Amino acid sequence: GLAALSRRESIARSFKKVIAAGALSFTLDIVSAAAIVVLAFAIFEQHRAVLDLTVNETFTLSRFSQSVIAKLNKNIEMIGFLRADDPRITQARDLLSQYDVASDLIKTRIIDPELSPTEAARYGRDAQGKIMVRCGSREEWSSSWREQSVTGLIVRVTSDSRPAIYFLSGHGERSIVGSAL
């Protein structure tokens, strides 16, 4: 009986040692895993990227848009003016997110004119449903939410040259003023 009792105490002591060692090991594992997660998030925050696995690269900007963005050397602000219940809101958020991720020089946001009428009115136009791209004091507007249109706005606000438009007259051409067909 004494042998069984002493053996029982020995087993209990061994079991306590295993539990103590296991608890310490478990705690170190949890702390290590948390540190790895925090480090991974810090790295991903510094190097933003999107992996687009869709067949037609739905969430990737075109090569032309990427080349325009790669040449940027000025800060760009892109503001969409859409109500929360507008059917285009998801498309607009996705598109603006692609531009935002593509360059640290591009900052994007969406303003709901119904929730923030004062802020929307500050832009001085009927902004509902439109997008505005600004670079310094230059800004361009569009009501199209297609990538080509938005990239075109970037090109226009960052371009140093303005195209000249000439009209011919005196040879039977229609007038550039008025609505005569």
C-alpha atoms as a PDB file:
ATOM      1  CA  GLY A   1       0.000   0.000   0.000  1.00  0.00           C
ATOM      2  CA  LEU A   2       2.877   2.348   0.867  1.00  0.00           C
ATOM      3  CA  ALA A   3       4.479   1.691  -2.507  1.00  0.00           C
ATOM      4  CA  ALA A   4       1.230   2.525  -4.287  1.00  0.00           C
ATOM      5  CA  LEU A   5       0.772   5.678  -2.182  1.00  0.00           C
ATOM      6  CA  SER A   6       4.351   6.904  -2.796  1.00  0.00           C
ATOM      7  CA  ARG A   7       3.996   6.047  -6.446  1.00  0.00           C
ATOM      8  CA  ARG A   8       0.737   7.973  -6.578  1.00  0.00           C
ATOM      9  CA  GLU A   9       2.431  11.067  -5.087  1.00  0.00           C
ATOM     10  CA  SER A  10       5.292  10.691  -7.562  1.00  0.00           C
ATOM     11  CA  ILE A  11       2.855  10.491 -10.461  1.00  0.00           C
ATOM     12  CA  ALA A  12       1.000  13.564  -9.173  1.00  0.00           C
ATOM     13  CA  ARG A  13       4.266  15.537  -8.940  1.00  0.00           C
ATOM     14  CA  SER A  14       5.241  14.475 -12.468  1.00  0.00           C
ATOM     15  CA  PHE A  15       1.791  15.395 -13.755  1.00  0.00           C
ATOM     16  CA  LYS A  16       2.037  18.865 -12.136  1.00  0.00           C
ATOM     17  CA  LYS A  17       5.436  19.407 -13.771  1.00  0.00           C
ATOM     18  CA  VAL A  18       4.038  18.430 -17.185  1.00  0.00           C
ATOM     19  CA  ILE A  19       1.041  20.742 -16.733  1.00  0.00           C
ATOM     20  CA  ALA A  20       3.282  23.636 -15.634  1.00  0.00           C
ATOM     21  CA  ALA A  21       5.629  23.077 -18.574  1.00  0.00           C
ATOM     22  CA  GLY A  22       2.658  22.721 -20.939  1.00  0.00           C
ATOM     23  CA  ALA A  23       1.050  25.925 -19.667  1.00  0.00           C
ATOM     24  CA  LEU A  24       4.282  27.836 -20.181  1.00  0.00           C
ATOM     25  CA  SER A  25       4.721  26.323 -23.635  1.00  0.00           C
ATOM     26  CA  PHE A  26       1.087  27.093 -24.521  1.00  0.00           C
ATOM     27  CA  THR A  27       1.469  30.710 -23.357  1.00  0.00           C
ATOM     28  CA  LEU A  28       4.651  31.136 -25.399  1.00  0.00           C
ATOM     29  CA  ASP A  29       2.888  29.658 -28.453  1.00  0.00           C
ATOM     30  CA  ILE A  30      -0.005  32.123 -28.100  1.00  0.00           C
ATOM     31  CA  VAL A  31       2.320  35.106 -27.658  1.00  0.00           C
ATOM     32  CA  SER A  32       4.426  34.006 -30.651  1.00  0.00           C
ATOM     33  CA  ALA A  33       1.364  33.562 -32.857  1.00  0.00           C
ATOM     34  CA  ALA A  34       0.033  36.999 -31.865  1.00  0.00           C
ATOM     35  CA  ALA A  35       3.419  38.581 -32.623  1.00  0.00           C
ATOM     36  CA  ILE A  36       3.493  36.924 -36.057  1.00  0.00           C
ATOM     37  CA  VAL A  37      -0.023  38.181 -36.862  1.00  0.00           C
ATOM     38  CA  VAL A  38       0.830  41.744 -35.775  1.00  0.00           C
ATOM     39  CA  LEU A  39       4.051  41.664 -37.805  1.00  0.00           C
ATOM     40  CA  ALA A  40       2.225  40.333 -40.876  1.00  0.00           C
ATOM     41  CA  PHE A  41      -0.399  43.095 -40.657  1.00  0.00           C
ATOM     42  CA  ALA A  42       2.347  45.718 -40.314  1.00  0.00           C
ATOM     43  CA  ILE A  43       4.107  44.389 -43.420  1.00  0.00           C
ATOM     44  CA  PHE A  44       0.869  44.170 -45.435  1.00  0.00           C
ATOM     45  CA  GLU A  45      -0.070  47.722 -44.420  1.00  0.00           C
ATOM     46  CA  GLN A  46       3.239  49.026 -45.754  1.00  0.00           C
ATOM     47  CA  HIS A  47       2.993  47.030 -49.007  1.00  0.00           C
ATOM     48  CA  ARG A  48      -0.619  47.166 -50.095  1.00  0.00           C
ATOM     49  CA  ALA A  49      -1.506  44.797 -52.904  1.00  0.00           C
ATOM     50  CA  VAL A  50      -4.535  43.069 -54.307  1.00  0.00           C
ATOM     51  CA  LEU A  51      -4.564  39.602 -55.773  1.00  0.00           C
ATOM     52  CA  ASP A  52      -7.201  39.454 -58.502  1.00  0.00           C
ATOM     53  CA  LEU A  53      -8.042  35.854 -59.362  1.00  0.00           C
ATOM     54  CA  THR A  54     -11.098  36.651 -61.504  1.00  0.00           C
ATOM     55  CA  VAL A  55     -10.986  35.417 -65.093  1.00  0.00           C
ATOM     56  CA  ASN A  56     -11.385  38.863 -66.678  1.00  0.00           C
ATOM     57  CA  GLU A  57      -9.363  40.712 -63.987  1.00  0.00           C
ATOM     58  CA  THR A  58     -12.424  42.566 -62.715  1.00  0.00           C
ATOM     59  CA  PHE A  59     -10.554  44.072 -59.771  1.00  0.00           C
ATOM     60  CA  THR A  60      -7.419  45.116 -61.664  1.00  0.00           C
ATOM     61  CA  LEU A  61      -6.875  48.425 -63.425  1.00  0.00           C
ATOM     62  CA  SER A  62      -6.029  48.280 -67.137  1.00  0.00           C
ATOM     63  CA  ARG A  63      -2.417  48.518 -68.254  1.00  0.00           C
ATOM     64  CA  PHE A  64      -3.047  52.033 -69.542  1.00  0.00           C
ATOM     65  CA  SER A  65      -4.463  53.165 -66.190  1.00  0.00           C
ATOM     66  CA  GLN A  66      -1.532  51.548 -64.398  1.00  0.00           C
ATOM     67  CA  SER A  67       0.954  53.361 -66.672  1.00  0.00           C
ATOM     68  CA  VAL A  68      -0.786  56.716 -66.071  1.00  0.00           C
ATOM     69  CA  ILE A  69      -0.660  56.129 -62.313  1.00  0.00           C
ATOM     70  CA  ALA A  70       2.984  55.010 -62.432  1.00  0.00           C
ATOM     71  CA  LYS A  71       3.927  58.371 -64.006  1.00  0.00           C
ATOM     72  CA  LEU A  72       2.202  60.427 -61.299  1.00  0.00           C
ATOM     73  CA  ASN A  73       4.390  62.850 -59.392  1.00  0.00           C
ATOM     74  CA  LYS A  74       1.599  64.937 -57.853  1.00  0.00           C
ATOM     75  CA  ASN A  75      -1.071  64.228 -55.252  1.00  0.00           C
ATOM     76  CA  ILE A  76      -4.494  63.375 -56.658  1.00  0.00           C
ATOM     77  CA  GLU A  77      -7.794  63.606 -54.802  1.00  0.00           C
ATOM     78  CA  MET A  78     -10.762  61.633 -56.115  1.00  0.00           C
ATOM     79  CA  ILE A  79     -14.199  62.272 -54.644  1.00  0.00           C
ATOM     80  CA  GLY A  80     -17.338  60.411 -55.619  1.00  0.00           C
ATOM     81  CA  PHE A  81     -20.726  61.910 -54.842  1.00  0.00           C
ATOM     82  CA  LEU A  82     -23.212  59.079 -54.424  1.00  0.00           C
ATOM     83  CA  ARG A  83     -26.067  58.367 -52.057  1.00  0.00           C
ATOM     84  CA  ALA A  84     -25.804  55.197 -49.985  1.00  0.00           C
ATOM     85  CA  ASP A  85     -28.827  53.744 -51.808  1.00  0.00           C
ATOM     86  CA  ASP A  86     -27.440  54.499 -55.294  1.00  0.00           C
ATOM     87  CA  PRO A  87     -27.119  51.212 -57.237  1.00  0.00           C
ATOM     88  CA  ARG A  88     -23.643  52.289 -58.440  1.00  0.00           C
ATOM     89  CA  ILE A  89     -22.208  52.644 -54.922  1.00  0.00           C
ATOM     90  CA  THR A  90     -20.566  49.196 -54.820  1.00  0.00           C
ATOM     91  CA  GLN A  91     -19.037  49.643 -58.274  1.00  0.00           C
ATOM     92  CA  ALA A  92     -17.810  53.113 -57.286  1.00  0.00           C
ATOM     93  CA  ARG A  93     -16.238  51.882 -54.046  1.00  0.00           C
ATOM     94  CA  ASP A  94     -14.499  49.026 -55.854  1.00  0.00           C
ATOM     95  CA  LEU A  95     -13.168  51.318 -58.586  1.00  0.00           C
ATOM     96  CA  LEU A  96     -11.934  54.011 -56.198  1.00  0.00           C
ATOM     97  CA  SER A  97     -10.334  51.339 -54.037  1.00  0.00           C
ATOM     98  CA  GLN A  98      -8.314  50.116 -57.034  1.00  0.00           C
ATOM     99  CA  TYR A  99      -6.947  53.622 -57.627  1.00  0.00           C
ATOM    100  CA  ASP A 100      -6.289  54.129 -53.922  1.00  0.00           C
ATOM    101  CA  VAL A 101      -4.286  50.895 -53.695  1.00  0.00           C
ATOM    102  CA  ALA A 102      -2.398  51.632 -56.924  1.00  0.00           C
ATOM    103  CA  SER A 103      -0.590  54.708 -55.584  1.00  0.00           C
ATOM    104  CA  ASP A 104       0.133  56.489 -52.335  1.00  0.00           C
ATOM    105  CA  LEU A 105      -0.331  59.753 -54.279  1.00  0.00           C
ATOM    106  CA  ILE A 106      -4.040  59.027 -54.808  1.00  0.00           C
ATOM    107  CA  LYS A 107      -6.550  59.602 -52.017  1.00  0.00           C
ATOM    108  CA  THR A 108     -10.174  58.636 -52.561  1.00  0.00           C
ATOM    109  CA  ARG A 109     -13.460  59.042 -50.743  1.00  0.00           C
ATOM    110  CA  ILE A 110     -17.182  59.019 -51.326  1.00  0.00           C
ATOM    111  CA  ILE A 111     -19.490  61.730 -50.035  1.00  0.00           C
ATOM    112  CA  ASP A 112     -23.194  61.065 -49.613  1.00  0.00           C
ATOM    113  CA  PRO A 113     -24.878  64.382 -50.591  1.00  0.00           C
ATOM    114  CA  GLU A 114     -27.924  63.518 -48.492  1.00  0.00           C
ATOM    115  CA  LEU A 115     -25.924  62.737 -45.340  1.00  0.00           C
ATOM    116  CA  SER A 116     -23.391  65.572 -45.867  1.00  0.00           C
ATOM    117  CA  PRO A 117     -25.218  68.280 -47.872  1.00  0.00           C
ATOM    118  CA  THR A 118     -22.950  71.091 -46.621  1.00  0.00           C
ATOM    119  CA  GLU A 119     -19.813  69.246 -47.657  1.00  0.00           C
ATOM    120  CA  ALA A 120     -21.290  68.330 -51.052  1.00  0.00           C
ATOM    121  CA  ALA A 121     -22.486  71.923 -51.617  1.00  0.00           C
ATOM    122  CA  ARG A 122     -18.954  73.176 -50.964  1.00  0.00           C
ATOM    123  CA  TYR A 123     -17.998  71.865 -54.401  1.00  0.00           C
ATOM    124  CA  GLY A 124     -20.441  74.290 -56.031  1.00  0.00           C
ATOM    125  CA  ARG A 125     -22.253  72.029 -58.468  1.00  0.00           C
ATOM    126  CA  ASP A 126     -24.946  69.465 -58.721  1.00  0.00           C
ATOM    127  CA  ALA A 127     -22.547  66.728 -57.679  1.00  0.00           C
ATOM    128  CA  GLN A 128     -24.969  63.833 -57.162  1.00  0.00           C
ATOM    129  CA  GLY A 129     -23.835  60.788 -59.135  1.00  0.00           C
ATOM    130  CA  LYS A 130     -20.581  62.386 -60.309  1.00  0.00           C
ATOM    131  CA  ILE A 131     -16.898  61.949 -59.629  1.00  0.00           C
ATOM    132  CA  MET A 132     -14.415  64.784 -59.230  1.00  0.00           C
ATOM    133  CA  VAL A 133     -10.661  64.407 -59.669  1.00  0.00           C
ATOM    134  CA  ARG A 134      -8.466  67.219 -58.354  1.00  0.00           C
ATOM    135  CA  CYS A 135      -4.761  67.925 -58.633  1.00  0.00           C
ATOM    136  CA  GLY A 136      -3.751  71.176 -56.978  1.00  0.00           C
ATOM    137  CA  SER A 137      -6.181  73.844 -58.145  1.00  0.00           C
ATOM    138  CA  ARG A 138      -7.289  71.933 -61.247  1.00  0.00           C
ATOM    139  CA  GLU A 139     -10.331  69.707 -61.128  1.00  0.00           C
ATOM    140  CA  GLU A 140     -12.308  67.708 -63.655  1.00  0.00           C
ATOM    141  CA  TRP A 141     -15.770  66.182 -63.315  1.00  0.00           C
ATOM    142  CA  SER A 142     -17.552  63.237 -64.913  1.00  0.00           C
ATOM    143  CA  SER A 143     -20.808  61.424 -64.454  1.00  0.00           C
ATOM    144  CA  SER A 144     -19.299  58.228 -65.848  1.00  0.00           C
ATOM    145  CA  TRP A 145     -18.001  55.654 -63.384  1.00  0.00           C
ATOM    146  CA  ARG A 146     -16.088  53.694 -66.030  1.00  0.00           C
ATOM    147  CA  GLU A 147     -12.371  53.210 -65.456  1.00  0.00           C
ATOM    148  CA  GLN A 148     -11.518  54.824 -68.807  1.00  0.00           C
ATOM    149  CA  SER A 149     -13.376  58.000 -67.830  1.00  0.00           C
ATOM    150  CA  VAL A 150     -11.758  58.218 -64.409  1.00  0.00           C
ATOM    151  CA  THR A 151      -8.269  57.674 -65.844  1.00  0.00           C
ATOM    152  CA  GLY A 152      -9.054  60.349 -68.441  1.00  0.00           C
ATOM    153  CA  LEU A 153      -9.846  62.753 -65.608  1.00  0.00           C
ATOM    154  CA  ILE A 154      -6.452  62.010 -64.055  1.00  0.00           C
ATOM    155  CA  VAL A 155      -4.715  62.661 -67.375  1.00  0.00           C
ATOM    156  CA  ARG A 156      -6.536  65.982 -67.802  1.00  0.00           C
ATOM    157  CA  VAL A 157      -5.822  67.329 -64.303  1.00  0.00           C
ATOM    158  CA  THR A 158      -2.146  66.352 -64.397  1.00  0.00           C
ATOM    159  CA  SER A 159      -1.409  67.404 -67.979  1.00  0.00           C
ATOM    160  CA  ASP A 160       0.508  70.638 -68.489  1.00  0.00           C
ATOM    161  CA  SER A 161      -0.906  71.249 -71.954  1.00  0.00           C
ATOM    162  CA  ARG A 162      -4.440  72.085 -73.006  1.00  0.00           C
ATOM    163  CA  PRO A 163      -5.625  71.060 -76.465  1.00  0.00           C
ATOM    164  CA  ALA A 164      -6.666  73.855 -78.809  1.00  0.00           C
ATOM    165  CA  ILE A 165      -9.937  73.559 -80.680  1.00  0.00           C
ATOM    166  CA  TYR A 166     -10.454  75.427 -83.933  1.00  0.00           C
ATOM    167  CA  PHE A 167     -13.673  75.975 -85.870  1.00  0.00           C
ATOM    168  CA  LEU A 168     -13.974  76.695 -89.549  1.00  0.00           C
ATOM    169  CA  SER A 169     -16.478  79.165 -90.881  1.00  0.00           C
ATOM    170  CA  GLY A 170     -17.348  80.749 -94.179  1.00  0.00           C
ATOM    171  CA  HIS A 171     -17.641  77.587 -96.259  1.00  0.00           C
ATOM    172  CA  GLY A 172     -21.195  76.599 -95.433  1.00  0.00           C
ATOM    173  CA  GLU A 173     -20.369  74.971 -92.082  1.00  0.00           C
ATOM    174  CA  ARG A 174     -22.964  75.109 -89.397  1.00  0.00           C
ATOM    175  CA  SER A 175     -22.575  77.668 -86.666  1.00  0.00           C
ATOM    176  CA  ILE A 176     -20.998  76.546 -83.389  1.00  0.00           C
ATOM    177  CA  VAL A 177     -23.632  78.497 -81.462  1.00  0.00           C
ATOM    178  CA  GLY A 178     -27.327  77.772 -81.510  1.00  0.00           C
ATOM    179  CA  SER A 179     -29.187  74.550 -82.013  1.00  0.00           C
ATOM    180  CA  ALA A 180     -29.924  74.629 -85.739  1.00  0.00           C
ATOM    181  CA  LEU A 181     -29.525  71.268 -87.390  1.00  0.00           C
END
